[in-house]
Amino acid sequence: MSYFQYHLFFCTNQRDAGEMCCNNHNAQAMRDHCKQRVKAAGDKIHGAVRINSAGCLDRCDKGPVIVVYPEAVWYTYVDQEDIDEIVDVHLGQGKVVERLLIK
């Protein structure tokens, strides 16, 4: 049994100017927002959740990206509302947010 029910990795990689990367889409701010939303959700999420920054996850063409373990579900997002939906639906209800899924 894992200590965490969910472990989210946000790519926050910053590449040289002009190169595609997740941090060009405010990835660090979105990670921080996610962390706050998980704390605010409290017991609406069953089990412990860890939110981490990651270096390049090598999916820049799909970015910005988040991967949720242990399921290895990959998401992209545009804004805080997308992050909120991932927290509420995936972490809160255990369901994949199909519209944000990277296949």
C-alpha atoms as a PDB file:
ATOM      1  CA  MET A   1       0.000   0.000   0.000  1.00  0.00           C
ATOM      2  CA  SER A   2       1.378   3.352  -1.033  1.00  0.00           C
ATOM      3  CA  TYR A   3       1.544   6.222   1.442  1.00  0.00           C
ATOM      4  CA  PHE A   4      -0.205   8.527  -1.051  1.00  0.00           C
ATOM      5  CA  GLN A   5      -3.521   7.777  -2.711  1.00  0.00           C
ATOM      6  CA  TYR A   6      -2.547  10.139  -5.544  1.00  0.00           C
ATOM      7  CA  HIS A   7       0.758  11.632  -6.580  1.00  0.00           C
ATOM      8  CA  LEU A   8       0.596  14.472  -9.140  1.00  0.00           C
ATOM      9  CA  PHE A   9       3.628  15.637 -11.073  1.00  0.00           C
ATOM     10  CA  PHE A  10       3.436  19.023 -12.783  1.00  0.00           C
ATOM     11  CA  CYS A  11       6.007  19.641 -15.474  1.00  0.00           C
ATOM     12  CA  THR A  12       7.464  23.035 -14.548  1.00  0.00           C
ATOM     13  CA  ASN A  13      10.408  22.847 -16.911  1.00  0.00           C
ATOM     14  CA  GLN A  14      11.683  26.145 -18.324  1.00  0.00           C
ATOM     15  CA  ARG A  15      13.567  25.992 -21.602  1.00  0.00           C
ATOM     16  CA  ASP A  16      15.504  28.695 -23.385  1.00  0.00           C
ATOM     17  CA  ALA A  17      13.518  31.618 -24.770  1.00  0.00           C
ATOM     18  CA  GLY A  18      11.349  30.651 -27.692  1.00  0.00           C
ATOM     19  CA  GLU A  19      11.400  26.900 -27.060  1.00  0.00           C
ATOM     20  CA  MET A  20       8.125  25.164 -26.224  1.00  0.00           C
ATOM     21  CA  CYS A  21       7.859  24.223 -22.545  1.00  0.00           C
ATOM     22  CA  CYS A  22       5.251  23.828 -19.833  1.00  0.00           C
ATOM     23  CA  ASN A  23       6.434  26.740 -17.723  1.00  0.00           C
ATOM     24  CA  ASN A  24       5.531  29.092 -20.598  1.00  0.00           C
ATOM     25  CA  HIS A  25       1.942  28.274 -19.578  1.00  0.00           C
ATOM     26  CA  ASN A  26       2.302  29.322 -15.917  1.00  0.00           C
ATOM     27  CA  ALA A  27       2.923  25.734 -14.816  1.00  0.00           C
ATOM     28  CA  GLN A  28       4.427  26.701 -11.459  1.00  0.00           C
ATOM     29  CA  ALA A  29       1.455  28.932 -10.632  1.00  0.00           C
ATOM     30  CA  MET A  30      -0.954  26.165 -11.664  1.00  0.00           C
ATOM     31  CA  ARG A  31       0.917  23.690  -9.447  1.00  0.00           C
ATOM     32  CA  ASP A  32       0.670  26.111  -6.535  1.00  0.00           C
ATOM     33  CA  HIS A  33      -3.058  26.563  -7.209  1.00  0.00           C
ATOM     34  CA  CYS A  34      -3.552  22.787  -7.289  1.00  0.00           C
ATOM     35  CA  LYS A  35      -1.789  22.403  -3.964  1.00  0.00           C
ATOM     36  CA  GLN A  36      -4.077  25.031  -2.400  1.00  0.00           C
ATOM     37  CA  ARG A  37      -7.195  23.404  -3.895  1.00  0.00           C
ATOM     38  CA  VAL A  38      -6.227  19.985  -2.536  1.00  0.00           C
ATOM     39  CA  LYS A  39      -5.747  21.466   0.937  1.00  0.00           C
ATOM     40  CA  ALA A  40      -9.073  23.301   0.695  1.00  0.00           C
ATOM     41  CA  ALA A  41     -10.868  20.126  -0.450  1.00  0.00           C
ATOM     42  CA  GLY A  42      -9.907  18.415   2.801  1.00  0.00           C
ATOM     43  CA  ASP A  43     -11.848  15.224   3.382  1.00  0.00           C
ATOM     44  CA  LYS A  44     -13.638  15.456   0.014  1.00  0.00           C
ATOM     45  CA  ILE A  45     -10.534  13.652  -1.238  1.00  0.00           C
ATOM     46  CA  HIS A  46     -10.125  10.160   0.148  1.00  0.00           C
ATOM     47  CA  GLY A  47      -6.491   9.462   0.970  1.00  0.00           C
ATOM     48  CA  ALA A  48      -3.311  11.497   1.019  1.00  0.00           C
ATOM     49  CA  VAL A  49      -2.308  13.520  -2.047  1.00  0.00           C
ATOM     50  CA  ARG A  50       1.144  14.799  -2.954  1.00  0.00           C
ATOM     51  CA  ILE A  51       1.638  17.595  -5.498  1.00  0.00           C
ATOM     52  CA  ASN A  52       5.149  17.825  -6.957  1.00  0.00           C
ATOM     53  CA  SER A  53       7.068  19.817  -9.522  1.00  0.00           C
ATOM     54  CA  ALA A  54       8.875  17.784 -12.131  1.00  0.00           C
ATOM     55  CA  GLY A  55      11.517  18.557 -14.669  1.00  0.00           C
ATOM     56  CA  CYS A  56      10.748  17.895 -18.297  1.00  0.00           C
ATOM     57  CA  LEU A  57       8.244  15.070 -18.735  1.00  0.00           C
ATOM     58  CA  ASP A  58       9.037  14.969 -22.477  1.00  0.00           C
ATOM     59  CA  ARG A  59       5.503  15.723 -23.662  1.00  0.00           C
ATOM     60  CA  CYS A  60       6.057  19.386 -24.539  1.00  0.00           C
ATOM     61  CA  ASP A  61       3.938  19.103 -27.662  1.00  0.00           C
ATOM     62  CA  LYS A  62       0.940  18.288 -25.435  1.00  0.00           C
ATOM     63  CA  GLY A  63       1.762  20.798 -22.715  1.00  0.00           C
ATOM     64  CA  PRO A  64       1.342  21.976 -20.197  1.00  0.00           C
ATOM     65  CA  VAL A  65       1.149  18.531 -18.618  1.00  0.00           C
ATOM     66  CA  ILE A  66       0.351  16.786 -15.346  1.00  0.00           C
ATOM     67  CA  VAL A  67       0.669  13.071 -14.690  1.00  0.00           C
ATOM     68  CA  VAL A  68      -1.342  11.428 -11.908  1.00  0.00           C
ATOM     69  CA  TYR A  69      -0.042   8.276 -10.264  1.00  0.00           C
ATOM     70  CA  PRO A  70      -0.598   5.468  -9.510  1.00  0.00           C
ATOM     71  CA  GLU A  71      -2.884   5.361 -12.568  1.00  0.00           C
ATOM     72  CA  ALA A  72      -0.368   7.106 -14.886  1.00  0.00           C
ATOM     73  CA  VAL A  73      -3.109   9.384 -16.233  1.00  0.00           C
ATOM     74  CA  TRP A  74      -1.776  12.303 -18.284  1.00  0.00           C
ATOM     75  CA  TYR A  75      -3.621  15.626 -18.428  1.00  0.00           C
ATOM     76  CA  THR A  76      -3.200  18.965 -20.079  1.00  0.00           C
ATOM     77  CA  TYR A  77      -4.854  22.152 -18.830  1.00  0.00           C
ATOM     78  CA  VAL A  78      -5.490  25.758 -19.786  1.00  0.00           C
ATOM     79  CA  ASP A  79      -6.472  27.526 -16.584  1.00  0.00           C
ATOM     80  CA  GLN A  80      -7.321  27.210 -12.901  1.00  0.00           C
ATOM     81  CA  GLU A  81     -10.800  25.911 -13.726  1.00  0.00           C
ATOM     82  CA  ASP A  82      -9.203  22.907 -15.444  1.00  0.00           C
ATOM     83  CA  ILE A  83      -7.054  22.275 -12.373  1.00  0.00           C
ATOM     84  CA  ASP A  84     -10.140  22.559 -10.167  1.00  0.00           C
ATOM     85  CA  GLU A  85     -11.932  19.981 -12.321  1.00  0.00           C
ATOM     86  CA  ILE A  86      -9.019  17.545 -12.020  1.00  0.00           C
ATOM     87  CA  VAL A  87      -9.027  17.981  -8.237  1.00  0.00           C
ATOM     88  CA  ASP A  88     -12.815  17.651  -7.916  1.00  0.00           C
ATOM     89  CA  VAL A  89     -13.381  14.831 -10.396  1.00  0.00           C
ATOM     90  CA  HIS A  90     -10.193  12.752 -10.472  1.00  0.00           C
ATOM     91  CA  LEU A  91      -9.030  13.193  -6.896  1.00  0.00           C
ATOM     92  CA  GLY A  92     -12.470  13.676  -5.353  1.00  0.00           C
ATOM     93  CA  GLN A  93     -14.507  11.146  -7.320  1.00  0.00           C
ATOM     94  CA  GLY A  94     -11.849   8.845  -8.742  1.00  0.00           C
ATOM     95  CA  LYS A  95     -12.967   9.500 -12.326  1.00  0.00           C
ATOM     96  CA  VAL A  96     -10.784  10.498 -15.267  1.00  0.00           C
ATOM     97  CA  VAL A  97     -11.487  13.961 -16.724  1.00  0.00           C
ATOM     98  CA  GLU A  98     -11.815  12.804 -20.329  1.00  0.00           C
ATOM     99  CA  ARG A  99     -11.775  16.270 -21.937  1.00  0.00           C
ATOM    100  CA  LEU A 100      -8.327  17.043 -20.473  1.00  0.00           C
ATOM    101  CA  LEU A 101      -6.845  13.594 -21.066  1.00  0.00           C
ATOM    102  CA  ILE A 102      -3.674  13.201 -23.134  1.00  0.00           C
ATOM    103  CA  LYS A 103      -3.655   9.909 -24.983  1.00  0.00           C
END
